[in-house]
Amino acid sequence: MEKILVSACLYGLPVRYNAQAVPVPHPLWQRWWEEGRLIAICPEMAGGLPVPREPAEIIGRGGGVAVWAGQARVVDKTGNALTAAFQAGANQALQLAHLHGCRAAVLKSGSPSCGQGQIYDGSFSGGKTAGDGVTAALLRAHGIAVFDEHQLEQLAMFLDSGLS
């Protein structure tokens, strides 16, 4: 049975910056959970960050792709540099995905680590911009399809199609 890498906060663990979980109340998620298909990781914690922690955002254009290219950086709300921790956690997530043969991941929307397609804009004002988080960008670069918690039907179609 094919495994799916998932953000630990979506799995129900209180690992977000504010020590909260955001469990997914969806029948597909519940089925995958019961089948033992979900492989949880919090890339930020895997990178050594504590819970709770200050919120973080990517500063600079281009999101996670730009972070990997050295053209943007991750900082927390007080200005502490977190790029290295976010990259270390992303690498741990990639290793875990490879270990379990995951072709797909479900990551927390908006997150500077896990967000896909749209992330917070770096102003700490709640604004958003196009882009992927650091982990999402790394997973995509290695051929892993990335979805968020609002795209479970699309993930189901992807898994059923057998595409990679």
Protein backbone atom coordinates (compact mmCIF):
# COMPACT_ATOMS: atom_id res chain seq x y z
CA MET A 1 0.00 0.00 0.00
CA GLU A 2 1.43 3.33 -1.08
CA LYS A 3 2.50 5.71 1.69
CA ILE A 4 1.86 9.47 1.74
CA LEU A 5 4.18 11.94 3.47
CA VAL A 6 2.13 14.41 5.56
CA SER A 7 2.70 17.45 7.75
CA ALA A 8 2.62 16.32 11.36
CA CYS A 9 0.24 19.14 12.32
CA LEU A 10 -2.29 17.78 9.82
CA TYR A 11 -1.76 14.33 11.32
CA GLY A 12 -3.05 15.79 14.57
CA LEU A 13 0.17 16.49 16.45
CA PRO A 14 0.48 19.89 18.23
CA VAL A 15 3.71 20.90 16.46
CA ARG A 16 2.84 24.18 14.71
CA TYR A 17 4.64 27.36 15.77
CA ASN A 18 1.74 28.05 18.18
CA ALA A 19 1.73 24.46 19.56
CA GLN A 20 -1.53 23.67 17.77
CA ALA A 21 -2.58 20.79 15.54
CA VAL A 22 -4.88 21.18 12.54
CA PRO A 23 -6.30 17.69 12.00
CA VAL A 24 -8.00 17.04 8.68
CA PRO A 25 -11.71 16.10 8.97
CA HIS A 26 -12.09 14.45 5.56
CA PRO A 27 -13.23 10.90 4.70
CA LEU A 28 -10.25 10.26 2.39
CA TRP A 29 -7.84 11.36 5.12
CA GLN A 30 -9.59 9.14 7.64
CA ARG A 31 -9.40 6.16 5.27
CA TRP A 32 -5.70 6.71 4.59
CA TRP A 33 -5.08 7.09 8.34
CA GLU A 34 -6.90 3.83 9.10
CA GLU A 35 -4.96 2.07 6.33
CA GLY A 36 -1.68 3.20 7.89
CA ARG A 37 -0.63 5.10 4.77
CA LEU A 38 0.22 8.46 6.40
CA ILE A 39 3.86 9.14 7.28
CA ALA A 40 4.06 12.25 9.47
CA ILE A 41 6.89 14.74 9.85
CA CYS A 42 7.17 18.34 11.00
CA PRO A 43 10.09 19.65 8.94
CA GLU A 44 10.56 22.62 11.27
CA MET A 45 10.93 20.38 14.31
CA ALA A 46 13.08 17.95 12.30
CA GLY A 47 15.33 20.94 11.60
CA GLY A 48 15.73 21.55 15.33
CA LEU A 49 13.12 24.22 16.04
CA PRO A 50 11.12 24.09 19.30
CA VAL A 51 7.40 24.13 19.98
CA PRO A 52 6.11 26.72 20.51
CA ARG A 53 8.22 29.08 18.42
CA GLU A 54 7.89 32.51 16.84
CA PRO A 55 6.10 32.51 13.47
CA ALA A 56 8.46 32.46 10.49
CA GLU A 57 8.18 33.66 6.90
CA ILE A 58 10.31 33.71 3.78
CA ILE A 59 11.88 37.10 3.09
CA GLY A 60 12.45 37.78 -0.61
CA ARG A 61 10.70 36.78 -3.80
CA GLY A 62 10.46 33.24 -5.10
CA GLY A 63 9.54 31.27 -1.99
CA GLY A 64 11.29 28.03 -1.16
CA VAL A 65 12.88 27.74 -4.60
CA ALA A 66 14.63 31.06 -3.99
CA VAL A 67 15.69 29.94 -0.50
CA TRP A 68 17.42 26.89 -2.01
CA ALA A 69 19.08 29.15 -4.59
CA GLY A 70 20.37 31.48 -1.84
CA GLN A 71 18.17 34.33 -3.10
CA ALA A 72 15.74 34.45 -0.16
CA ARG A 73 15.89 33.57 3.51
CA VAL A 74 13.67 32.39 6.34
CA VAL A 75 13.40 34.51 9.48
CA ASP A 76 11.10 34.51 12.47
CA LYS A 77 9.01 37.47 13.54
CA THR A 78 11.80 38.77 15.78
CA GLY A 79 14.39 38.58 12.97
CA ASN A 80 16.20 35.37 13.92
CA ALA A 81 17.70 33.59 10.90
CA LEU A 82 16.07 30.18 10.38
CA THR A 83 17.09 29.26 6.83
CA ALA A 84 19.51 26.52 7.89
CA ALA A 85 16.94 24.89 10.20
CA PHE A 86 14.26 24.97 7.49
CA GLN A 87 16.65 23.43 4.96
CA ALA A 88 17.78 20.74 7.42
CA GLY A 89 14.17 19.82 8.15
CA ALA A 90 13.31 19.75 4.45
CA ASN A 91 16.18 17.34 3.85
CA GLN A 92 14.87 15.11 6.66
CA ALA A 93 11.41 15.14 5.04
CA LEU A 94 12.91 14.17 1.68
CA GLN A 95 14.85 11.30 3.26
CA LEU A 96 11.70 10.07 5.01
CA ALA A 97 9.72 10.25 1.76
CA HIS A 98 12.39 8.22 -0.04
CA LEU A 99 12.61 5.70 2.81
CA HIS A 100 8.87 4.99 2.52
CA GLY A 101 8.64 5.28 -1.28
CA CYS A 102 6.27 8.25 -1.14
CA ARG A 103 5.36 9.71 -4.55
CA ALA A 104 3.14 12.34 -2.93
CA ALA A 105 2.90 14.57 0.11
CA VAL A 106 0.11 16.50 1.82
CA LEU A 107 1.58 19.58 3.43
CA LYS A 108 0.07 22.44 5.46
CA SER A 109 -1.09 25.30 3.26
CA GLY A 110 0.50 28.72 3.70
CA SER A 111 3.47 27.50 5.73
CA PRO A 112 6.98 28.80 4.95
CA SER A 113 8.08 25.19 5.18
CA CYS A 114 5.15 23.20 3.86
CA GLY A 115 3.00 25.63 1.87
CA GLN A 116 2.48 24.85 -1.78
CA GLY A 117 1.39 27.32 -4.41
CA GLN A 118 0.83 30.14 -1.93
CA ILE A 119 2.73 31.16 1.20
CA TYR A 120 2.84 34.12 3.57
CA ASP A 121 4.55 37.08 1.93
CA GLY A 122 7.33 37.83 4.44
CA SER A 123 5.70 40.93 5.91
CA PHE A 124 4.16 39.14 8.93
CA SER A 125 0.90 40.94 8.12
CA GLY A 126 -1.12 37.92 6.99
CA GLY A 127 -0.62 38.72 3.29
CA LYS A 128 0.11 35.90 0.89
CA THR A 129 2.10 35.51 -2.30
CA ALA A 130 2.66 32.83 -4.93
CA GLY A 131 5.30 30.26 -4.07
CA ASP A 132 6.16 27.06 -2.25
CA GLY A 133 7.64 26.61 1.20
CA VAL A 134 11.16 25.29 1.67
CA THR A 135 10.13 21.64 2.11
CA ALA A 136 7.51 21.74 -0.63
CA ALA A 137 10.06 23.15 -3.06
CA LEU A 138 12.63 20.45 -2.24
CA LEU A 139 10.11 17.63 -2.54
CA ARG A 140 8.90 18.92 -5.92
CA ALA A 141 12.50 19.26 -7.14
CA HIS A 142 12.89 15.55 -6.39
CA GLY A 143 9.75 14.48 -8.24
CA ILE A 144 7.37 14.18 -5.30
CA ALA A 145 3.91 15.59 -6.00
CA VAL A 146 2.85 18.10 -3.36
CA PHE A 147 -0.74 18.76 -2.32
CA ASP A 148 -2.28 20.68 0.58
CA GLU A 149 -5.05 19.66 2.93
CA HIS A 150 -7.66 21.18 0.60
CA GLN A 151 -6.61 18.99 -2.36
CA LEU A 152 -7.29 15.47 -1.12
CA GLU A 153 -9.54 14.58 -4.06
CA GLN A 154 -6.77 15.61 -6.47
CA LEU A 155 -4.31 13.49 -4.51
CA ALA A 156 -6.67 10.50 -4.69
CA MET A 157 -6.88 10.89 -8.48
CA PHE A 158 -3.08 11.17 -8.68
CA LEU A 159 -2.61 8.01 -6.64
CA ASP A 160 -5.25 6.13 -8.64
CA SER A 161 -3.65 7.19 -11.94
CA GLY A 162 -0.32 5.60 -11.09
CA LEU A 163 1.47 8.66 -12.52
CA SER A 164 4.80 9.69 -11.11
